[in-house]
Protein backbone atom coordinates (compact mmCIF):
# COMPACT_ATOMS: atom_id res chain seq x y z
CA MET A 1 81.02 -81.77 278.70
CA ALA A 2 82.02 -78.93 276.37
CA ALA A 3 79.67 -76.10 276.12
CA PRO A 4 78.11 -75.81 272.77
CA ALA A 5 80.10 -73.37 270.41
CA CYS A 6 77.13 -70.71 270.59
CA ALA A 7 77.58 -70.00 273.99
CA TYR A 8 80.50 -67.87 273.13
CA GLY A 9 80.04 -66.60 270.36
CA ILE A 10 81.18 -68.87 268.17
CA GLY A 11 80.49 -69.33 264.71
CA ARG A 12 78.12 -66.28 265.26
CA SER A 13 77.96 -62.31 263.12
CA LYS A 14 78.54 -59.61 265.56
CA VAL A 15 76.62 -57.12 265.44
CA GLU A 16 78.47 -54.19 267.60
CA GLU A 17 81.22 -54.45 270.53
CA GLN A 18 82.11 -52.53 272.41
CA ALA A 19 84.20 -52.49 276.44
CA LEU A 20 82.43 -50.23 278.58
CA GLU A 21 84.68 -47.18 279.75
CA GLU A 22 83.19 -47.80 284.00
CA VAL A 23 83.00 -50.22 286.75
CA TYR A 24 78.98 -50.46 287.83
CA VAL A 25 79.46 -50.57 291.61
CA LEU A 26 76.69 -53.10 293.60
CA CYS A 27 75.82 -53.38 297.00
CA PRO A 28 74.15 -56.68 298.25
CA VAL A 29 69.90 -55.79 299.83
CA SER A 30 68.03 -57.09 302.40
CA ASN A 31 66.25 -58.60 300.12
CA GLY A 32 69.17 -61.15 298.57
CA GLY A 33 69.67 -58.96 295.81
CA TYR A 34 71.63 -56.23 294.38
CA GLN A 35 71.17 -52.74 294.22
CA HIS A 36 73.54 -50.34 291.61
CA ILE A 37 74.59 -47.60 293.73
CA ASP A 38 77.49 -45.81 292.21
CA THR A 39 79.53 -45.32 288.70
CA ILE A 40 83.59 -44.96 288.74
CA PRO A 41 85.17 -43.66 284.97
CA LEU A 42 87.76 -46.06 284.28
CA SER A 43 89.92 -43.13 283.74
CA ALA A 44 89.53 -42.22 287.11
CA LEU A 45 90.50 -45.48 288.10
CA LYS A 46 93.78 -45.46 285.71
CA GLY A 47 92.50 -48.06 284.05
CA VAL A 48 93.01 -50.36 287.54
CA VAL A 49 89.29 -51.90 288.48
CA PRO A 50 89.47 -52.61 292.15
CA ASN A 51 90.04 -55.96 293.76
CA LEU A 52 88.66 -57.93 296.73
CA GLY A 53 89.28 -56.01 299.82
CA ASP A 54 90.54 -52.96 298.12
CA ARG A 55 88.37 -49.71 300.30
CA ILE A 56 86.29 -46.87 298.27
CA THR A 57 86.02 -43.95 300.29
CA LEU A 58 83.00 -41.51 299.63
CA ASP A 59 83.83 -37.99 301.23
CA LEU A 60 81.30 -35.31 301.66
CA CYS A 61 82.54 -31.99 302.08
CA ASN A 62 80.85 -28.12 302.35
CA ASN A 63 83.21 -25.11 303.07
CA ASP A 64 86.22 -27.02 305.04
CA GLU A 65 83.44 -29.17 307.43
CA SER A 66 83.14 -32.90 306.70
CA ASP A 67 79.70 -33.68 306.28
CA GLY A 68 81.02 -37.23 306.17
CA LEU A 69 82.55 -40.18 305.40
CA ALA A 70 81.50 -43.58 303.27
CA ILE A 71 83.25 -46.54 303.36
CA GLU A 72 82.84 -49.61 301.26
CA GLU A 73 84.51 -52.75 300.98
CA VAL A 74 85.03 -54.94 297.45
CA VAL A 75 83.95 -58.26 297.90
CA GLY A 76 83.41 -58.99 294.28
CA ARG A 77 84.65 -58.50 291.59
CA HIS A 78 83.40 -59.63 288.29
CA PHE A 79 83.79 -59.17 284.03
CA VAL A 80 81.48 -59.40 282.68
CA ARG A 81 80.09 -60.34 278.68
CA TYR A 82 76.89 -59.36 278.11
CA ILE A 83 75.19 -60.64 274.58
CA ASN A 84 72.26 -60.17 273.31
CA GLU A 85 70.86 -62.44 271.84
CA SER A 86 68.48 -60.85 269.64
CA ASN A 87 70.82 -59.28 267.66
CA GLY A 88 74.15 -60.64 268.83
CA ASP A 89 75.54 -57.10 270.12
CA GLU A 90 77.78 -57.59 272.55
CA ALA A 91 79.75 -55.48 275.93
CA TYR A 92 81.88 -56.42 278.33
CA ALA A 93 81.87 -53.67 281.61
CA TRP A 94 83.44 -54.44 285.11
CA PHE A 95 81.10 -54.90 288.41
CA ILE A 96 81.69 -54.45 291.48
CA VAL A 97 80.54 -55.79 294.58
CA VAL A 98 80.98 -53.85 298.07
CA GLN A 99 80.01 -53.78 301.58
CA THR A 100 79.66 -50.74 303.87
CA VAL A 101 82.30 -50.73 306.49
CA GLU A 102 82.00 -49.08 309.99
CA LEU A 103 85.46 -47.81 311.23
CA ASP A 104 86.29 -46.82 315.30
CA HIS A 105 88.08 -43.54 313.82
CA THR A 106 86.37 -43.30 311.19
CA SER A 107 85.65 -39.27 312.00
CA LYS A 108 90.23 -39.44 312.30
CA LEU A 109 90.28 -40.31 309.02
CA ALA A 110 87.74 -38.04 307.53
CA LYS A 111 89.56 -35.12 309.04
CA ALA A 112 93.40 -36.36 307.24
CA ILE A 113 91.59 -36.86 303.96
CA GLY A 114 89.58 -33.76 304.14
CA ALA A 115 93.68 -31.69 305.21
CA VAL A 116 95.00 -33.15 302.26
CA PHE A 117 92.97 -32.76 299.90
CA ARG A 118 92.41 -28.76 301.29
CA ASN A 119 96.18 -28.64 300.55
CA GLU A 120 96.46 -30.11 297.87
CA LEU A 121 93.12 -28.59 295.87
CA ARG A 122 94.49 -25.25 297.59
CA PRO A 123 96.87 -24.49 295.17
CA ILE A 124 95.73 -25.35 292.09
CA ALA A 125 94.05 -22.08 290.34
CA PRO A 126 92.29 -21.75 287.36
CA PRO A 127 94.56 -20.02 284.77
CA THR A 128 94.32 -15.97 284.25
CA LYS A 129 95.57 -15.69 281.04
CA THR A 130 93.33 -16.00 278.41
CA LEU A 131 93.90 -19.34 276.16
CA PRO A 132 94.35 -18.67 271.77
CA ALA A 133 91.39 -19.05 270.01
CA VAL A 134 91.72 -22.08 267.85
CA TYR A 135 90.65 -21.33 264.63
CA ASP A 136 88.90 -23.90 261.55
CA PRO A 137 90.99 -24.11 259.01
CA VAL A 138 87.27 -23.02 256.76
CA SER A 139 85.42 -19.83 258.33
CA PRO A 140 81.90 -20.10 259.15
CA PRO A 141 79.65 -19.50 255.92
CA ASN A 142 77.92 -16.91 258.00
CA LEU A 143 80.82 -14.15 258.69
CA PRO A 144 81.34 -11.55 256.23
CA LYS A 145 83.55 -11.75 253.64
CA SER A 146 85.83 -9.32 255.04
CA LYS A 147 85.47 -11.65 258.29
CA ARG A 148 86.24 -14.61 256.88
CA ILE A 149 89.34 -13.50 254.92
CA SER A 150 91.20 -12.62 257.96
CA HIS A 151 89.99 -16.68 259.65
CA LYS A 152 91.59 -18.38 256.35
CA ILE A 153 95.13 -15.51 257.85
CA LYS A 154 94.49 -16.64 261.05
CA ASP A 155 95.43 -20.18 260.24
CA PRO A 156 98.99 -21.37 260.50
CA ALA A 157 98.12 -24.29 257.39
CA PHE A 158 98.00 -20.68 255.16
CA TRP A 159 101.28 -19.34 255.76
CA THR A 160 103.04 -21.63 253.04
CA PRO A 161 106.69 -20.50 251.90
CA GLU A 162 105.58 -19.53 248.34
CA ARG A 163 102.68 -17.45 249.95
CA LYS A 164 104.81 -15.98 252.64
CA GLU A 165 107.61 -15.01 249.97
CA GLU A 166 104.40 -13.98 247.41
CA MET A 167 103.40 -11.25 250.08
CA ARG A 168 106.80 -9.89 250.86
CA LYS A 169 107.28 -9.10 247.27
CA LYS A 170 104.07 -7.34 247.10
CA ARG A 171 105.13 -5.29 249.78
CA GLU A 172 108.46 -4.81 247.95
CA ALA A 173 106.38 -3.47 245.17
CA ARG A 174 103.45 -1.54 247.31
CA LEU A 175 106.58 0.51 249.21
CA GLU A 176 108.46 1.23 245.70
CA ARG A 177 105.06 2.89 243.93
CA MET A 178 104.50 4.73 248.04
CA LYS A 179 108.12 5.90 247.66
CA ARG A 180 107.63 7.21 243.43
CA MET A 181 104.42 8.93 245.35
CA GLY A 182 106.91 10.84 247.45
CA ILE A 183 104.68 8.93 250.39
CA ALA A 184 106.85 7.98 253.05
CA ALA A 185 106.88 4.42 254.22
CA PRO A 186 104.57 3.57 257.71
CA ASP A 187 107.35 2.64 260.02
């Protein structure tokens, strides 16, 4: 027997549809239910959702000393299409179900993971040079007129070939007037 068309959203107008950019992590609890324990950005996973058997490891450290290692194994994976029937909104998201894994060699694994991160992250230093300011093409209205003009000049789009030629001609005319008046040209 085929499912009714409305169960799959056929023939319904969609008010809003969105794909959520996180993977939601659930863990079974003692009463038989599930508890939401974490949310991982899909960008951190490079768009790859953990599969059955994959392990998610959390390594907590403070001043290079490991405070603990938590290892969770993926035991379930669900792609969920959520439909709010009252307004037709839809959302899509990945949910994974994990269970805690106890390893005999957890402390050795924590030391190895910590060593890799210390060696990989330490050399990365914040940039010492300040990056050039990025100017909006339109200056804020609360700036004085002199600052608005200089703000506009800093915009690369301001310097068209025609404007450059016009400025060159004005400069040459100014230097010619200074020369006639006996004023030395600035270097």
